[in-house]
C-alpha atoms as a PDB file:
ATOM      1  CA  MET A   1      19.229 -28.782-107.576  1.00  0.00           C
ATOM      2  CA  ASP A   2      16.748 -28.757-104.704  1.00  0.00           C
ATOM      3  CA  THR A   3      18.499 -28.683-101.325  1.00  0.00           C
ATOM      4  CA  LYS A   4      15.294 -28.066 -99.363  1.00  0.00           C
ATOM      5  CA  ILE A   5      15.306 -31.380 -97.494  1.00  0.00           C
ATOM      6  CA  LEU A   6      18.940 -31.048 -96.466  1.00  0.00           C
ATOM      7  CA  LEU A   7      18.605 -27.570 -95.022  1.00  0.00           C
ATOM      8  CA  GLU A   8      15.131 -27.840 -93.518  1.00  0.00           C
ATOM      9  CA  ASN A   9      16.138 -30.847 -91.452  1.00  0.00           C
ATOM     10  CA  GLY A  10      19.258 -29.084 -90.169  1.00  0.00           C
ATOM     11  CA  THR A  11      21.470 -32.015 -91.130  1.00  0.00           C
ATOM     12  CA  ASN A  12      24.661 -29.909 -91.375  1.00  0.00           C
ATOM     13  CA  GLU A  13      25.003 -30.836 -95.047  1.00  0.00           C
ATOM     14  CA  LEU A  14      25.687 -28.658 -98.053  1.00  0.00           C
ATOM     15  CA  GLU A  15      26.346 -28.985-101.746  1.00  0.00           C
ATOM     16  CA  VAL A  16      29.408 -27.362-103.290  1.00  0.00           C
ATOM     17  CA  LEU A  17      29.639 -26.469-106.962  1.00  0.00           C
ATOM     18  CA  GLU A  18      33.198 -27.065-108.187  1.00  0.00           C
ATOM     19  CA  PHE A  19      34.537 -24.876-110.995  1.00  0.00           C
ATOM     20  CA  MET A  20      37.832 -23.830-112.568  1.00  0.00           C
ATOM     21  CA  VAL A  21      39.531 -20.461-112.953  1.00  0.00           C
ATOM     22  CA  ASP A  22      42.975 -20.268-114.569  1.00  0.00           C
ATOM     23  CA  GLY A  23      43.431 -24.023-114.175  1.00  0.00           C
ATOM     24  CA  GLU A  24      42.761 -24.021-110.426  1.00  0.00           C
ATOM     25  CA  TYR A  25      39.824 -25.619-108.596  1.00  0.00           C
ATOM     26  CA  TYR A  26      37.386 -23.554-106.554  1.00  0.00           C
ATOM     27  CA  GLY A  27      33.982 -24.027-104.971  1.00  0.00           C
ATOM     28  CA  ILE A  28      30.793 -22.170-104.080  1.00  0.00           C
ATOM     29  CA  ASN A  29      27.872 -23.204-101.899  1.00  0.00           C
ATOM     30  CA  VAL A  30      25.051 -24.297-104.214  1.00  0.00           C
ATOM     31  CA  ALA A  31      22.640 -22.360-101.991  1.00  0.00           C
ATOM     32  CA  LYS A  32      24.087 -19.169-103.504  1.00  0.00           C
ATOM     33  CA  VAL A  33      23.691 -20.329-107.122  1.00  0.00           C
ATOM     34  CA  LYS A  34      20.649 -19.378-109.196  1.00  0.00           C
ATOM     35  CA  GLU A  35      21.793 -20.798-112.534  1.00  0.00           C
ATOM     36  CA  ILE A  36      24.761 -21.437-114.810  1.00  0.00           C
ATOM     37  CA  ILE A  37      24.680 -19.876-118.262  1.00  0.00           C
ATOM     38  CA  ASN A  38      26.978 -19.736-121.254  1.00  0.00           C
ATOM     39  CA  TYR A  39      29.146 -16.668-121.600  1.00  0.00           C
ATOM     40  CA  LEU A  40      27.366 -13.529-122.775  1.00  0.00           C
ATOM     41  CA  GLU A  41      29.426 -10.514-123.738  1.00  0.00           C
ATOM     42  CA  PRO A  42      28.658  -7.881-121.088  1.00  0.00           C
ATOM     43  CA  THR A  43      28.176  -4.203-121.795  1.00  0.00           C
ATOM     44  CA  PRO A  44      31.120  -2.363-120.204  1.00  0.00           C
ATOM     45  CA  ILE A  45      30.394   0.306-117.600  1.00  0.00           C
ATOM     46  CA  PRO A  46      32.675   3.381-117.748  1.00  0.00           C
ATOM     47  CA  ASN A  47      34.920   4.015-114.717  1.00  0.00           C
ATOM     48  CA  SER A  48      33.835   0.804-113.005  1.00  0.00           C
ATOM     49  CA  HIS A  49      36.043  -1.422-110.839  1.00  0.00           C
ATOM     50  CA  PRO A  50      38.669  -3.415-112.838  1.00  0.00           C
ATOM     51  CA  SER A  51      37.021  -6.688-111.782  1.00  0.00           C
ATOM     52  CA  ILE A  52      33.633  -5.672-113.211  1.00  0.00           C
ATOM     53  CA  GLU A  53      33.318  -6.857-116.809  1.00  0.00           C
ATOM     54  CA  GLY A  54      30.035  -5.009-117.269  1.00  0.00           C
ATOM     55  CA  VAL A  55      26.339  -5.845-117.182  1.00  0.00           C
ATOM     56  CA  PHE A  56      23.949  -8.001-119.192  1.00  0.00           C
ATOM     57  CA  MET A  57      20.201  -8.590-119.093  1.00  0.00           C
ATOM     58  CA  PRO A  58      18.987 -12.155-119.486  1.00  0.00           C
ATOM     59  CA  ARG A  59      15.180 -12.246-119.205  1.00  0.00           C
ATOM     60  CA  ASP A  60      15.036  -8.463-118.593  1.00  0.00           C
ATOM     61  CA  VAL A  61      16.949  -8.666-115.303  1.00  0.00           C
ATOM     62  CA  MET A  62      20.142  -6.612-115.113  1.00  0.00           C
ATOM     63  CA  ILE A  63      23.071  -8.608-113.717  1.00  0.00           C
ATOM     64  CA  THR A  64      26.583  -7.410-112.950  1.00  0.00           C
ATOM     65  CA  ALA A  65      29.315  -9.608-114.448  1.00  0.00           C
ATOM     66  CA  ILE A  66      32.417 -10.107-112.303  1.00  0.00           C
ATOM     67  CA  ASP A  67      35.793 -11.225-113.674  1.00  0.00           C
ATOM     68  CA  LEU A  68      36.657 -13.811-111.028  1.00  0.00           C
ATOM     69  CA  LYS A  69      40.105 -14.374-112.530  1.00  0.00           C
ATOM     70  CA  ASN A  70      40.877 -10.706-111.956  1.00  0.00           C
ATOM     71  CA  CYS A  71      39.503 -10.878-108.401  1.00  0.00           C
ATOM     72  CA  LEU A  72      41.926 -13.713-107.712  1.00  0.00           C
ATOM     73  CA  GLN A  73      44.801 -11.632-109.122  1.00  0.00           C
ATOM     74  CA  ARG A  74      45.479 -14.073-111.926  1.00  0.00           C
ATOM     75  CA  GLY A  75      45.076 -11.697-114.876  1.00  0.00           C
ATOM     76  CA  GLN A  76      42.085 -10.853-117.063  1.00  0.00           C
ATOM     77  CA  ALA A  77      39.499 -13.385-118.213  1.00  0.00           C
ATOM     78  CA  GLN A  78      39.085 -13.989-121.935  1.00  0.00           C
ATOM     79  CA  PRO A  79      35.681 -14.151-123.667  1.00  0.00           C
ATOM     80  CA  GLY A  80      34.098 -17.595-123.372  1.00  0.00           C
ATOM     81  CA  GLY A  81      33.477 -20.019-120.576  1.00  0.00           C
ATOM     82  CA  LEU A  82      30.485 -19.722-118.252  1.00  0.00           C
ATOM     83  CA  PHE A  83      28.758 -17.388-115.837  1.00  0.00           C
ATOM     84  CA  ILE A  84      27.721 -18.686-112.423  1.00  0.00           C
ATOM     85  CA  VAL A  85      24.735 -16.481-111.606  1.00  0.00           C
ATOM     86  CA  THR A  86      24.364 -16.053-107.840  1.00  0.00           C
ATOM     87  CA  ASN A  87      22.064 -14.433-105.334  1.00  0.00           C
ATOM     88  CA  PHE A  88      23.233 -13.396-101.866  1.00  0.00           C
ATOM     89  CA  ASN A  89      22.848 -10.246 -99.819  1.00  0.00           C
ATOM     90  CA  ARG A  90      19.819  -9.749-102.079  1.00  0.00           C
ATOM     91  CA  LEU A  91      22.086  -9.098-105.073  1.00  0.00           C
ATOM     92  CA  ASP A  92      22.121 -10.912-108.420  1.00  0.00           C
ATOM     93  CA  ILE A  93      25.743 -11.242-109.553  1.00  0.00           C
ATOM     94  CA  ALA A  94      27.356 -13.373-112.276  1.00  0.00           C
ATOM     95  CA  PHE A  95      30.879 -14.697-111.813  1.00  0.00           C
ATOM     96  CA  HIS A  96      32.874 -15.473-114.964  1.00  0.00           C
ATOM     97  CA  VAL A  97      34.566 -18.901-114.760  1.00  0.00           C
ATOM     98  CA  GLU A  98      36.262 -21.158-117.285  1.00  0.00           C
ATOM     99  CA  GLN A  99      34.583 -24.473-116.547  1.00  0.00           C
ATOM    100  CA  VAL A 100      32.113 -26.080-114.150  1.00  0.00           C
ATOM    101  CA  ILE A 101      33.199 -29.509-112.913  1.00  0.00           C
ATOM    102  CA  GLY A 102      30.216 -30.716-110.879  1.00  0.00           C
ATOM    103  CA  ILE A 103      28.438 -30.758-107.529  1.00  0.00           C
ATOM    104  CA  HIS A 104      29.665 -32.461-104.363  1.00  0.00           C
ATOM    105  CA  ARG A 105      27.462 -33.248-101.367  1.00  0.00           C
ATOM    106  CA  LEU A 106      29.399 -32.662 -98.153  1.00  0.00           C
ATOM    107  CA  THR A 107      28.952 -31.862 -94.490  1.00  0.00           C
ATOM    108  CA  TRP A 108      30.275 -28.703 -92.900  1.00  0.00           C
ATOM    109  CA  LYS A 109      32.643 -30.900 -90.914  1.00  0.00           C
ATOM    110  CA  ASP A 110      34.429 -31.624 -94.218  1.00  0.00           C
ATOM    111  CA  ILE A 111      35.254 -27.937 -94.678  1.00  0.00           C
ATOM    112  CA  ILE A 112      38.621 -26.930 -93.218  1.00  0.00           C
ATOM    113  CA  LYS A 113      38.954 -23.277 -92.250  1.00  0.00           C
ATOM    114  CA  PRO A 114      42.180 -21.754 -93.666  1.00  0.00           C
ATOM    115  CA  ASN A 115      44.697 -20.553 -91.129  1.00  0.00           C
ATOM    116  CA  ALA A 116      46.225 -17.074 -91.106  1.00  0.00           C
ATOM    117  CA  THR A 117      49.065 -18.098 -93.435  1.00  0.00           C
ATOM    118  CA  VAL A 118      46.531 -18.858 -96.181  1.00  0.00           C
ATOM    119  CA  SER A 119      43.790 -16.301 -95.629  1.00  0.00           C
ATOM    120  CA  SER A 120      44.159 -13.163 -93.548  1.00  0.00           C
ATOM    121  CA  THR A 121      41.203 -11.296 -92.077  1.00  0.00           C
ATOM    122  CA  ASP A 122      41.762  -8.230 -94.243  1.00  0.00           C
ATOM    123  CA  SER A 123      42.735  -9.651 -97.628  1.00  0.00           C
ATOM    124  CA  GLY A 124      41.951 -13.370 -97.815  1.00  0.00           C
ATOM    125  CA  VAL A 125      39.126 -14.597-100.029  1.00  0.00           C
ATOM    126  CA  ALA A 126      39.281 -18.286 -99.068  1.00  0.00           C
ATOM    127  CA  SER A 127      36.564 -19.204 -96.570  1.00  0.00           C
ATOM    128  CA  GLY A 128      37.331 -22.927 -96.518  1.00  0.00           C
ATOM    129  CA  ILE A 129      39.191 -25.811 -98.141  1.00  0.00           C
ATOM    130  CA  VAL A 130      37.844 -29.279 -98.854  1.00  0.00           C
ATOM    131  CA  LYS A 131      39.728 -32.372-100.003  1.00  0.00           C
ATOM    132  CA  ILE A 132      37.912 -34.534-102.561  1.00  0.00           C
ATOM    133  CA  LYS A 133      39.680 -37.535-104.096  1.00  0.00           C
ATOM    134  CA  GLU A 134      43.144 -36.166-103.227  1.00  0.00           C
ATOM    135  CA  LYS A 135      42.255 -32.806-104.814  1.00  0.00           C
ATOM    136  CA  LEU A 136      42.051 -29.630-102.761  1.00  0.00           C
ATOM    137  CA  ILE A 137      39.160 -27.307-103.616  1.00  0.00           C
ATOM    138  CA  VAL A 138      39.205 -23.747-102.254  1.00  0.00           C
ATOM    139  CA  ILE A 139      35.791 -22.470-101.166  1.00  0.00           C
ATOM    140  CA  LEU A 140      35.760 -18.771-101.976  1.00  0.00           C
ATOM    141  CA  ASP A 141      34.340 -16.029 -99.763  1.00  0.00           C
ATOM    142  CA  PHE A 142      32.107 -14.389-102.362  1.00  0.00           C
ATOM    143  CA  GLU A 143      30.741 -11.853 -99.866  1.00  0.00           C
ATOM    144  CA  LYS A 144      34.293 -10.639 -99.231  1.00  0.00           C
ATOM    145  CA  ILE A 145      34.988 -10.489-102.967  1.00  0.00           C
ATOM    146  CA  ILE A 146      31.941  -8.309-103.573  1.00  0.00           C
ATOM    147  CA  ALA A 147      32.580  -6.134-100.509  1.00  0.00           C
ATOM    148  CA  ASP A 148      36.123  -5.460-101.785  1.00  0.00           C
ATOM    149  CA  ILE A 149      34.689  -4.365-105.150  1.00  0.00           C
ATOM    150  CA  SER A 150      31.769  -2.412-103.678  1.00  0.00           C
ATOM    151  CA  PRO A 151      32.193  -1.636 -99.950  1.00  0.00           C
ATOM    152  CA  GLU A 152      28.638  -0.271 -99.640  1.00  0.00           C
ATOM    153  CA  THR A 153      27.343  -3.854 -99.981  1.00  0.00           C
ATOM    154  CA  GLY A 154      28.935  -4.750 -96.625  1.00  0.00           C
ATOM    155  CA  LEU A 155      27.670  -4.115 -93.107  1.00  0.00           C
ATOM    156  CA  LYS A 156      26.521  -0.520 -92.724  1.00  0.00           C
ATOM    157  CA  VAL A 157      27.706   0.213 -89.187  1.00  0.00           C
ATOM    158  CA  SER A 158      26.627   3.837 -89.706  1.00  0.00           C
ATOM    159  CA  GLU A 159      23.021   2.607 -89.409  1.00  0.00           C
ATOM    160  CA  ILE A 160      23.528   2.238 -85.653  1.00  0.00           C
ATOM    161  CA  ALA A 161      24.008   5.976 -85.183  1.00  0.00           C
ATOM    162  CA  ALA A 162      20.686   6.562 -86.940  1.00  0.00           C
ATOM    163  CA  LEU A 163      18.917   4.683 -84.151  1.00  0.00           C
ATOM    164  CA  GLY A 164      19.540   7.615 -81.812  1.00  0.00           C
ATOM    165  CA  PRO A 165      20.582   7.610 -78.128  1.00  0.00           C
ATOM    166  CA  ARG A 166      20.789   4.160 -76.597  1.00  0.00           C
ATOM    167  CA  GLU A 167      20.754   2.933 -73.009  1.00  0.00           C
ATOM    168  CA  ARG A 168      23.266   0.366 -71.821  1.00  0.00           C
ATOM    169  CA  SER A 169      22.000  -3.220 -71.578  1.00  0.00           C
ATOM    170  CA  ASP A 170      23.351  -6.250 -69.739  1.00  0.00           C
ATOM    171  CA  VAL A 171      21.321  -8.717 -71.844  1.00  0.00           C
ATOM    172  CA  PRO A 172      23.830 -11.474 -72.769  1.00  0.00           C
ATOM    173  CA  ILE A 173      24.086 -12.245 -76.492  1.00  0.00           C
ATOM    174  CA  LEU A 174      25.974 -15.107 -78.145  1.00  0.00           C
ATOM    175  CA  ILE A 175      27.172 -14.648 -81.742  1.00  0.00           C
ATOM    176  CA  SER A 176      28.149 -17.487 -84.057  1.00  0.00           C
ATOM    177  CA  GLU A 177      30.066 -16.161 -87.077  1.00  0.00           C
ATOM    178  CA  ASP A 178      33.150 -17.677 -88.714  1.00  0.00           C
ATOM    179  CA  SER A 179      34.425 -14.520 -90.432  1.00  0.00           C
ATOM    180  CA  PRO A 180      36.727 -12.693 -87.970  1.00  0.00           C
ATOM    181  CA  LEU A 181      36.029  -9.385 -89.723  1.00  0.00           C
ATOM    182  CA  LEU A 182      32.237  -9.758 -89.662  1.00  0.00           C
ATOM    183  CA  ASN A 183      32.326 -11.146 -86.122  1.00  0.00           C
ATOM    184  CA  LYS A 184      34.154  -7.996 -84.996  1.00  0.00           C
ATOM    185  CA  LEU A 185      31.802  -5.691 -86.937  1.00  0.00           C
ATOM    186  CA  ILE A 186      28.714  -7.336 -85.438  1.00  0.00           C
ATOM    187  CA  VAL A 187      30.163  -7.210 -81.921  1.00  0.00           C
ATOM    188  CA  ASP A 188      31.192  -3.569 -82.365  1.00  0.00           C
ATOM    189  CA  SER A 189      27.751  -2.667 -83.760  1.00  0.00           C
ATOM    190  CA  LEU A 190      25.913  -4.314 -80.878  1.00  0.00           C
ATOM    191  CA  LYS A 191      28.157  -2.584 -78.357  1.00  0.00           C
ATOM    192  CA  MET A 192      27.483   0.758 -80.071  1.00  0.00           C
ATOM    193  CA  ALA A 193      23.785  -0.078 -79.674  1.00  0.00           C
ATOM    194  CA  GLY A 194      24.220  -0.596 -75.944  1.00  0.00           C
ATOM    195  CA  TYR A 195      24.631  -4.367 -75.699  1.00  0.00           C
ATOM    196  CA  GLU A 196      27.807  -4.880 -73.713  1.00  0.00           C
ATOM    197  CA  LYS A 197      27.678  -8.535 -72.663  1.00  0.00           C
ATOM    198  CA  ILE A 198      28.586 -10.483 -75.809  1.00  0.00           C
ATOM    199  CA  ILE A 199      30.160 -13.892 -76.415  1.00  0.00           C
ATOM    200  CA  HIS A 200      31.469 -14.511 -79.928  1.00  0.00           C
ATOM    201  CA  THR A 201      32.078 -17.994 -81.318  1.00  0.00           C
ATOM    202  CA  GLU A 202      33.517 -19.088 -84.668  1.00  0.00           C
ATOM    203  CA  ASN A 203      31.017 -21.761 -85.730  1.00  0.00           C
ATOM    204  CA  GLY A 204      27.849 -23.553 -84.740  1.00  0.00           C
ATOM    205  CA  GLN A 205      29.682 -26.326 -82.900  1.00  0.00           C
ATOM    206  CA  GLU A 206      31.575 -23.882 -80.704  1.00  0.00           C
ATOM    207  CA  ALA A 207      28.338 -21.990 -80.033  1.00  0.00           C
ATOM    208  CA  TYR A 208      26.459 -25.185 -79.184  1.00  0.00           C
ATOM    209  CA  ASP A 209      29.227 -26.467 -76.896  1.00  0.00           C
ATOM    210  CA  THR A 210      29.309 -23.113 -75.096  1.00  0.00           C
ATOM    211  CA  ILE A 211      25.543 -23.151 -74.574  1.00  0.00           C
ATOM    212  CA  MET A 212      25.564 -26.764 -73.394  1.00  0.00           C
ATOM    213  CA  ASP A 213      28.332 -25.953 -70.918  1.00  0.00           C
ATOM    214  CA  PHE A 214      26.295 -23.097 -69.436  1.00  0.00           C
ATOM    215  CA  SER A 215      23.239 -25.352 -69.330  1.00  0.00           C
ATOM    216  CA  ALA A 216      25.126 -28.081 -67.459  1.00  0.00           C
ATOM    217  CA  LYS A 217      26.308 -25.513 -64.905  1.00  0.00           C
ATOM    218  CA  GLY A 218      22.814 -24.077 -64.462  1.00  0.00           C
ATOM    219  CA  THR A 219      23.894 -20.637 -65.690  1.00  0.00           C
ATOM    220  CA  LEU A 220      22.394 -20.647 -69.193  1.00  0.00           C
ATOM    221  CA  ASP A 221      19.894 -17.809 -68.805  1.00  0.00           C
ATOM    222  CA  LYS A 222      22.486 -15.713 -67.007  1.00  0.00           C
ATOM    223  CA  ASN A 223      24.927 -16.031 -69.914  1.00  0.00           C
ATOM    224  CA  VAL A 224      22.825 -16.440 -73.089  1.00  0.00           C
ATOM    225  CA  GLN A 225      19.479 -14.774 -73.759  1.00  0.00           C
ATOM    226  CA  VAL A 226      19.758 -14.317 -77.541  1.00  0.00           C
ATOM    227  CA  VAL A 227      21.701 -16.238 -80.218  1.00  0.00           C
ATOM    228  CA  ILE A 228      22.716 -14.555 -83.489  1.00  0.00           C
ATOM    229  CA  THR A 229      24.039 -16.999 -86.070  1.00  0.00           C
ATOM    230  CA  ASP A 230      25.354 -17.070 -89.607  1.00  0.00           C
ATOM    231  CA  ILE A 231      24.300 -19.988 -91.830  1.00  0.00           C
ATOM    232  CA  GLU A 232      27.537 -20.854 -93.655  1.00  0.00           C
ATOM    233  CA  MET A 233      30.170 -21.978 -91.145  1.00  0.00           C
ATOM    234  CA  PRO A 234      32.685 -24.835 -90.995  1.00  0.00           C
ATOM    235  CA  VAL A 235      32.162 -27.755 -88.587  1.00  0.00           C
ATOM    236  CA  MET A 236      28.500 -26.881 -87.899  1.00  0.00           C
ATOM    237  CA  ASP A 237      26.287 -24.469 -89.830  1.00  0.00           C
ATOM    238  CA  GLY A 238      23.675 -22.117 -88.443  1.00  0.00           C
ATOM    239  CA  HIS A 239      20.719 -24.206 -89.570  1.00  0.00           C
ATOM    240  CA  ARG A 240      22.011 -27.219 -87.661  1.00  0.00           C
ATOM    241  CA  LEU A 241      22.648 -25.034 -84.606  1.00  0.00           C
ATOM    242  CA  THR A 242      19.091 -23.671 -84.802  1.00  0.00           C
ATOM    243  CA  TYR A 243      17.678 -27.186 -85.139  1.00  0.00           C
ATOM    244  CA  LEU A 244      19.581 -28.444 -82.089  1.00  0.00           C
ATOM    245  CA  LEU A 245      18.619 -25.486 -79.902  1.00  0.00           C
ATOM    246  CA  LYS A 246      14.943 -25.486 -80.890  1.00  0.00           C
ATOM    247  CA  ASN A 247      14.563 -29.245 -80.379  1.00  0.00           C
ATOM    248  CA  ASP A 248      15.941 -29.283 -76.846  1.00  0.00           C
ATOM    249  CA  ASP A 249      13.626 -28.409 -73.933  1.00  0.00           C
ATOM    250  CA  LYS A 250      16.557 -26.820 -72.100  1.00  0.00           C
ATOM    251  CA  THR A 251      17.352 -24.341 -74.884  1.00  0.00           C
ATOM    252  CA  LYS A 252      14.256 -23.913 -77.073  1.00  0.00           C
ATOM    253  CA  HIS A 253      13.203 -20.772 -75.170  1.00  0.00           C
ATOM    254  CA  ILE A 254      16.323 -18.889 -76.335  1.00  0.00           C
ATOM    255  CA  PRO A 255      15.533 -16.617 -79.321  1.00  0.00           C
ATOM    256  CA  VAL A 256      17.626 -17.466 -82.392  1.00  0.00           C
ATOM    257  CA  VAL A 257      18.267 -14.815 -85.050  1.00  0.00           C
ATOM    258  CA  ILE A 258      19.698 -16.003 -88.367  1.00  0.00           C
ATOM    259  CA  PHE A 259      21.853 -13.197 -89.810  1.00  0.00           C
ATOM    260  CA  SER A 260      23.220 -14.362 -93.151  1.00  0.00           C
ATOM    261  CA  SER A 261      23.921 -13.302 -96.729  1.00  0.00           C
ATOM    262  CA  LEU A 262      21.901 -16.362 -97.806  1.00  0.00           C
ATOM    263  CA  VAL A 263      18.582 -15.135 -96.421  1.00  0.00           C
ATOM    264  CA  ASN A 264      16.015 -14.960 -99.227  1.00  0.00           C
ATOM    265  CA  GLU A 265      12.418 -16.151 -99.558  1.00  0.00           C
ATOM    266  CA  GLU A 266      13.373 -19.819 -99.829  1.00  0.00           C
ATOM    267  CA  MET A 267      15.837 -19.640 -96.953  1.00  0.00           C
ATOM    268  CA  MET A 268      13.257 -17.785 -94.844  1.00  0.00           C
ATOM    269  CA  ARG A 269      10.904 -20.768 -95.216  1.00  0.00           C
ATOM    270  CA  LYS A 270      13.660 -23.166 -94.240  1.00  0.00           C
ATOM    271  CA  GLY A 271      14.662 -21.115 -91.222  1.00  0.00           C
ATOM    272  CA  GLU A 272      11.048 -20.865 -90.080  1.00  0.00           C
ATOM    273  CA  ALA A 273      10.700 -24.643 -90.344  1.00  0.00           C
ATOM    274  CA  LEU A 274      13.724 -24.998 -88.077  1.00  0.00           C
ATOM    275  CA  GLY A 275      12.238 -22.626 -85.502  1.00  0.00           C
ATOM    276  CA  ALA A 276      14.287 -19.451 -86.033  1.00  0.00           C
ATOM    277  CA  ASP A 277      12.712 -16.473 -84.274  1.00  0.00           C
ATOM    278  CA  ALA A 278      13.944 -13.947 -86.847  1.00  0.00           C
ATOM    279  CA  GLN A 279      15.969 -13.914 -90.073  1.00  0.00           C
ATOM    280  CA  LEU A 280      17.559 -11.119 -92.048  1.00  0.00           C
ATOM    281  CA  SER A 281      20.270 -10.414 -94.592  1.00  0.00           C
ATOM    282  CA  LYS A 282      23.734  -9.390 -93.437  1.00  0.00           C
ATOM    283  CA  PRO A 283      23.856  -5.788 -94.646  1.00  0.00           C
ATOM    284  CA  GLU A 284      20.893  -4.953 -92.404  1.00  0.00           C
ATOM    285  CA  ILE A 285      22.818  -4.338 -89.181  1.00  0.00           C
ATOM    286  CA  GLY A 286      20.398  -1.586 -88.087  1.00  0.00           C
ATOM    287  CA  ASN A 287      17.458  -3.959 -88.472  1.00  0.00           C
ATOM    288  CA  LEU A 288      19.390  -6.617 -86.544  1.00  0.00           C
ATOM    289  CA  VAL A 289      19.649  -4.303 -83.547  1.00  0.00           C
ATOM    290  CA  GLN A 290      15.933  -3.479 -83.730  1.00  0.00           C
ATOM    291  CA  ILE A 291      15.045  -7.181 -83.905  1.00  0.00           C
ATOM    292  CA  VAL A 292      17.194  -7.919 -80.847  1.00  0.00           C
ATOM    293  CA  ASP A 293      15.536  -4.989 -79.081  1.00  0.00           C
ATOM    294  CA  GLY A 294      12.136  -6.559 -79.763  1.00  0.00           C
ATOM    295  CA  LEU A 295      13.185 -10.019 -78.648  1.00  0.00           C
ATOM    296  CA  VAL A 296      14.536  -8.823 -75.303  1.00  0.00           C
ATOM    297  CA  GLY A 297      11.879  -6.151 -74.739  1.00  0.00           C
ATOM    298  CA  LYS A 298      14.322  -3.261 -74.958  1.00  0.00           C
ATOM    299  CA  LYS A 299      13.102   0.177 -76.099  1.00  0.00           C
END
């Protein structure tokens, strides 16, 4: 389904694909989904992670098949069902599910962020919960699932050391990222790179409110000179935040960097239409630092 209009206009909307695993209802952002295909028996890979069923090659493209039931600690999946083929962090990955229910059009305000009793920073794989017709659907954190299986797909903080000696900088940066773990990693990486004045917020609404508060007090440029934002966030997403900032004379001069697992060619076009100054995929933390350097004129 084409979601171009929704995202390009920064309307804070999304579409969630609902599916079933072991009789329970889960969801994934349609922006991550390439296609849904019938089950194909994967070729097993020796000594691979228990949640990896193997690989298959539809149309000469090798795709890793993930046993989502195993990831959710509900046993092993049986042959049959469907594969939801996804693309994020520039990886093509198929998740084995039992049944696809349908697509729901929502706003990010409809997504409730789980509290610590449901999803901890270290082990939780629920990024949000939505209630549809008295049914609760758990939105899964697929980036976390893949990072748990293959840690090298996550943020490579070691890339910062490769940048060499760094001078301290007092350029103020605001980060909008709903994952506590990723928020901390990004903050730590920027501090390692010399950026010491950082504000971190949990979603686009909190970021926008913070910026508007500084603007009202006349201290905006003193407190925010670069914004780094994820796309997928409850309450307000990064595309909506970018749209609001770039369509306001008081804030349009602030560089906005979209740093998200969803960044691909299509998303790049959408981000450009919204006015983003730079966009890159989440594993590229070294490139993020270099982009910020360029935006603030730091060498």
